[in-house]
Amino acid sequence: MSEHTGRRPPQEPPASSRGAGEEAVVDQRLLRGARTRRRIARHGVDVASQDGLEGLSIGRLATDLGLSKSGVQTLFKTKENLQLAVAEAARQAFTEAVVDPARGAPPGAARLRALTEHWIVYAEAPLFTGGCFWAANLPEFDDRPGSVRDVLSLHRRTWQALLAGELRHAVETGEIAAREPDLTAFQIDAVLHATNLALRLGEADAVSRVRRTVDGLLAPAR
């Protein structure tokens, strides 16, 4: 008891309680920051699908989304970090729209056709404002060594490896007659990129042409 007032002095809250509260506040801030980061990166995909990754800027995305430039700067620090985050957001969205739905089809020719059909929807709808993200950005970075080029190239190789893996399965099980799965995967990928360009130019028969081409590449074994 206090000698002067007879009252017990106010007690400080336990240190453990203060720590838990502070941690909760920090966690909420991190969650909000992560959500904002994902929102910015996803919008950046649409911008980059039209104007390329070089067309991105922290100021532009902040203005588009009604955010402070300093806040966006805090989340990404540099333009390269922003470009890498946008490329990863494009990969995630593509995987969810094209790759994951095709996994329900049996491996081999059926899954290849499912991948092709989902890719057509991805480009025709389109999932990104300017069409295929990689068709818009690989030509811009193909001769510019660095982290962005490495990531874009990795995404392309991963996609082609997926096609080649399904082709090898189809060949091994006698479904199709392709002799060189890696070459056929390259051809399918090239045709899909040509289709993206045709769609952007408004060529009405682009989809029917890519389907006929893929049908020829996946001709059944005799």
Protein backbone atom coordinates (compact mmCIF):
# COMPACT_ATOMS: atom_id res chain seq x y z
CA MET A 1 0.00 0.00 0.00
CA SER A 2 1.16 3.54 -0.68
CA GLU A 3 2.14 5.47 2.44
CA HIS A 4 0.49 8.66 1.15
CA THR A 5 -2.79 7.56 -0.45
CA GLY A 6 -3.48 4.17 0.97
CA ARG A 7 -4.12 2.97 -2.57
CA ARG A 8 -2.31 0.23 -4.41
CA PRO A 9 -0.24 1.70 -7.27
CA PRO A 10 -1.48 0.84 -10.77
CA GLN A 11 -0.17 -2.45 -12.00
CA GLU A 12 1.52 -2.82 -15.39
CA PRO A 13 0.02 -5.52 -17.62
CA PRO A 14 2.10 -8.68 -17.74
CA ALA A 15 4.90 -8.56 -20.26
CA SER A 16 3.55 -11.71 -21.92
CA SER A 17 0.17 -10.04 -22.51
CA ARG A 18 1.77 -6.96 -24.02
CA GLY A 19 3.86 -9.14 -26.31
CA ALA A 20 0.85 -11.11 -27.55
CA GLY A 21 -1.08 -7.94 -28.33
CA GLU A 22 1.82 -6.39 -30.16
CA GLU A 23 2.36 -9.58 -32.12
CA ALA A 24 -1.32 -9.60 -33.14
CA VAL A 25 -1.03 -6.04 -34.43
CA VAL A 26 2.11 -6.93 -36.35
CA ASP A 27 0.43 -10.02 -37.81
CA GLN A 28 -2.53 -7.95 -39.02
CA ARG A 29 -0.20 -5.44 -40.63
CA LEU A 30 1.71 -8.23 -42.37
CA LEU A 31 -1.54 -9.76 -43.64
CA ARG A 32 -2.74 -6.41 -44.96
CA GLY A 33 0.64 -5.83 -46.56
CA ALA A 34 0.57 -9.26 -48.22
CA ARG A 35 -2.96 -8.68 -49.55
CA THR A 36 -2.00 -5.28 -50.92
CA ARG A 37 1.15 -6.71 -52.46
CA ARG A 38 -0.87 -9.44 -54.23
CA ARG A 39 -3.40 -6.87 -55.46
CA ILE A 40 -0.67 -4.65 -56.87
CA ALA A 41 1.17 -7.56 -58.51
CA ARG A 42 -2.00 -8.90 -60.12
CA HIS A 43 -2.86 -5.49 -61.54
CA GLY A 44 0.73 -5.28 -62.73
CA VAL A 45 0.19 -8.46 -64.75
CA ASP A 46 -2.59 -6.81 -66.73
CA VAL A 47 -0.48 -3.70 -67.32
CA ALA A 48 2.57 -5.73 -68.36
CA SER A 49 0.53 -7.94 -70.68
CA GLN A 50 -0.22 -4.78 -72.66
CA ASP A 51 2.78 -2.51 -72.15
CA GLY A 52 5.46 -4.97 -71.06
CA LEU A 53 7.28 -5.23 -67.76
CA GLU A 54 9.30 -2.16 -68.68
CA GLY A 55 6.03 -0.24 -68.79
CA LEU A 56 5.54 -0.85 -65.08
CA SER A 57 6.33 1.81 -62.53
CA ILE A 58 5.61 2.12 -58.84
CA GLY A 59 3.98 5.50 -59.43
CA ARG A 60 1.73 4.20 -62.19
CA LEU A 61 0.43 1.25 -60.18
CA ALA A 62 -0.10 3.45 -57.12
CA THR A 63 -2.17 5.88 -59.19
CA ASP A 64 -4.17 3.08 -60.88
CA LEU A 65 -5.09 1.49 -57.55
CA GLY A 66 -5.53 4.65 -55.50
CA LEU A 67 -2.59 3.86 -53.23
CA SER A 68 0.23 6.02 -51.98
CA LYS A 69 3.44 5.85 -53.96
CA SER A 70 5.44 5.59 -50.76
CA GLY A 71 3.34 2.63 -49.64
CA VAL A 72 3.95 0.75 -52.88
CA GLN A 73 7.63 1.68 -52.70
CA THR A 74 7.82 0.20 -49.20
CA LEU A 75 6.34 -3.09 -50.40
CA PHE A 76 8.59 -3.59 -53.44
CA LYS A 77 11.65 -1.34 -52.90
CA THR A 78 12.85 -1.51 -56.53
CA LYS A 79 11.42 -1.75 -60.02
CA GLU A 80 13.11 -5.11 -60.53
CA ASN A 81 11.45 -6.51 -57.39
CA LEU A 82 8.12 -5.26 -58.74
CA GLN A 83 8.77 -6.92 -62.10
CA LEU A 84 9.67 -10.22 -60.43
CA ALA A 85 6.56 -10.10 -58.25
CA VAL A 86 4.40 -9.42 -61.30
CA ALA A 87 5.99 -12.32 -63.21
CA GLU A 88 5.27 -14.63 -60.26
CA ALA A 89 1.66 -13.40 -60.07
CA ALA A 90 1.29 -14.18 -63.79
CA ARG A 91 2.67 -17.69 -63.25
CA GLN A 92 0.29 -18.36 -60.37
CA ALA A 93 -2.75 -17.11 -62.30
CA PHE A 94 -1.75 -19.12 -65.38
CA THR A 95 -1.27 -22.27 -63.30
CA GLU A 96 -4.69 -21.88 -61.71
CA ALA A 97 -6.41 -21.21 -65.05
CA VAL A 98 -4.60 -23.64 -67.36
CA VAL A 99 -2.49 -26.24 -65.58
CA ASP A 100 -4.53 -27.15 -62.50
CA PRO A 101 -7.84 -27.78 -64.33
CA ALA A 102 -6.08 -30.07 -66.81
CA ARG A 103 -4.76 -32.31 -64.04
CA GLY A 104 -8.20 -33.92 -63.83
CA ALA A 105 -7.73 -35.47 -67.28
CA PRO A 106 -5.91 -38.80 -67.68
CA PRO A 107 -2.18 -38.39 -68.32
CA GLY A 108 -0.99 -38.45 -71.89
CA ALA A 109 -2.97 -37.34 -74.93
CA ALA A 110 -6.13 -36.47 -72.98
CA ARG A 111 -4.23 -34.19 -70.60
CA LEU A 112 -2.37 -32.60 -73.52
CA ARG A 113 -5.67 -31.76 -75.18
CA ALA A 114 -7.02 -30.41 -71.88
CA LEU A 115 -3.93 -28.22 -71.48
CA THR A 116 -4.37 -26.94 -75.02
CA GLU A 117 -8.07 -26.20 -74.55
CA HIS A 118 -7.51 -24.37 -71.29
CA TRP A 119 -4.67 -22.42 -72.91
CA ILE A 120 -7.02 -21.37 -75.72
CA VAL A 121 -9.52 -20.07 -73.17
CA TYR A 122 -6.68 -18.31 -71.34
CA ALA A 123 -5.69 -16.43 -74.51
CA GLU A 124 -9.13 -16.02 -76.07
CA ALA A 125 -11.02 -14.68 -73.03
CA PRO A 126 -8.30 -13.38 -72.22
CA LEU A 127 -7.17 -14.02 -68.64
CA PHE A 128 -4.84 -11.01 -68.83
CA THR A 129 -5.88 -7.75 -70.44
CA GLY A 130 -3.27 -7.87 -73.21
CA GLY A 131 -3.35 -11.61 -73.86
CA CYS A 132 -0.50 -13.99 -73.12
CA PHE A 133 1.86 -12.48 -70.55
CA TRP A 134 4.92 -14.37 -71.86
CA ALA A 135 4.27 -13.54 -75.49
CA ALA A 136 4.28 -9.88 -74.46
CA ASN A 137 7.40 -10.00 -72.31
CA LEU A 138 9.82 -12.68 -73.48
CA PRO A 139 10.79 -10.75 -76.64
CA GLU A 140 11.53 -7.73 -74.46
CA PHE A 141 13.94 -9.60 -72.18
CA ASP A 142 15.31 -12.40 -74.34
CA ASP A 143 18.62 -10.58 -74.89
CA ARG A 144 18.81 -8.85 -71.50
CA PRO A 145 20.59 -11.06 -68.94
CA GLY A 146 19.33 -10.70 -65.40
CA SER A 147 16.83 -11.94 -62.84
CA VAL A 148 13.73 -10.99 -64.82
CA ARG A 149 14.93 -12.80 -67.93
CA ASP A 150 15.85 -15.84 -65.84
CA VAL A 151 12.38 -16.03 -64.29
CA LEU A 152 10.55 -15.60 -67.58
CA SER A 153 12.77 -18.23 -69.20
CA LEU A 154 12.18 -20.64 -66.31
CA HIS A 155 8.42 -20.27 -66.66
CA ARG A 156 8.66 -21.02 -70.38
CA ARG A 157 10.88 -24.07 -69.84
CA THR A 158 8.55 -25.38 -67.12
CA TRP A 159 5.56 -25.12 -69.46
CA GLN A 160 7.38 -26.86 -72.31
CA ALA A 161 8.61 -29.56 -69.93
CA LEU A 162 5.03 -30.17 -68.83
CA LEU A 163 3.93 -30.62 -72.44
CA ALA A 164 6.92 -32.86 -73.19
CA GLY A 165 6.25 -35.03 -70.15
CA GLU A 166 2.66 -35.68 -71.22
CA LEU A 167 3.85 -36.34 -74.78
CA ARG A 168 6.39 -38.92 -73.57
CA HIS A 169 3.66 -40.67 -71.61
CA ALA A 170 1.40 -40.71 -74.67
CA VAL A 171 4.20 -42.12 -76.85
CA GLU A 172 5.18 -44.77 -74.30
CA THR A 173 1.58 -45.96 -73.97
CA GLY A 174 1.09 -46.05 -77.74
CA GLU A 175 -1.50 -43.26 -77.85
CA ILE A 176 0.27 -41.03 -80.35
CA ALA A 177 2.93 -41.43 -83.02
CA ALA A 178 5.20 -38.47 -82.17
CA ARG A 179 8.81 -39.62 -82.33
CA GLU A 180 10.41 -36.65 -80.58
CA PRO A 181 8.33 -35.48 -77.61
CA ASP A 182 10.59 -32.50 -76.89
CA LEU A 183 10.34 -31.29 -80.48
CA THR A 184 6.57 -31.78 -80.53
CA ALA A 185 6.26 -29.84 -77.26
CA PHE A 186 8.27 -27.03 -78.85
CA GLN A 187 5.95 -27.08 -81.87
CA ILE A 188 2.79 -26.98 -79.77
CA ASP A 189 4.16 -24.09 -77.72
CA ALA A 190 5.11 -22.20 -80.90
CA VAL A 191 1.64 -22.72 -82.37
CA LEU A 192 -0.01 -21.48 -79.17
CA HIS A 193 2.09 -18.31 -79.21
CA ALA A 194 1.19 -17.76 -82.87
CA THR A 195 -2.45 -18.20 -81.91
CA ASN A 196 -2.15 -15.53 -79.23
CA LEU A 197 -0.87 -13.08 -81.85
CA ALA A 198 -3.65 -14.04 -84.27
CA LEU A 199 -6.27 -13.52 -81.57
CA ARG A 200 -4.86 -10.10 -80.72
CA LEU A 201 -5.11 -9.20 -84.42
CA GLY A 202 -8.73 -10.32 -84.55
CA GLU A 203 -8.25 -13.32 -86.84
CA ALA A 204 -11.54 -15.17 -86.44
CA ASP A 205 -10.26 -18.60 -87.46
CA ALA A 206 -7.27 -18.62 -85.10
CA VAL A 207 -8.82 -21.09 -82.65
CA SER A 208 -9.96 -23.56 -85.29
CA ARG A 209 -6.49 -23.44 -86.86
CA VAL A 210 -4.67 -24.18 -83.61
CA ARG A 211 -7.00 -27.07 -82.87
CA ARG A 212 -6.40 -28.60 -86.29
CA THR A 213 -2.65 -28.15 -85.89
CA VAL A 214 -2.59 -29.77 -82.45
CA ASP A 215 -4.75 -32.63 -83.75
CA GLY A 216 -2.12 -33.26 -86.41
CA LEU A 217 0.71 -33.21 -83.89
CA LEU A 218 -1.18 -35.63 -81.64
CA ALA A 219 -2.07 -38.07 -84.41
CA PRO A 220 -2.80 -41.54 -83.00
CA ALA A 221 -0.22 -44.27 -83.41
CA ARG A 222 -1.07 -46.81 -86.11
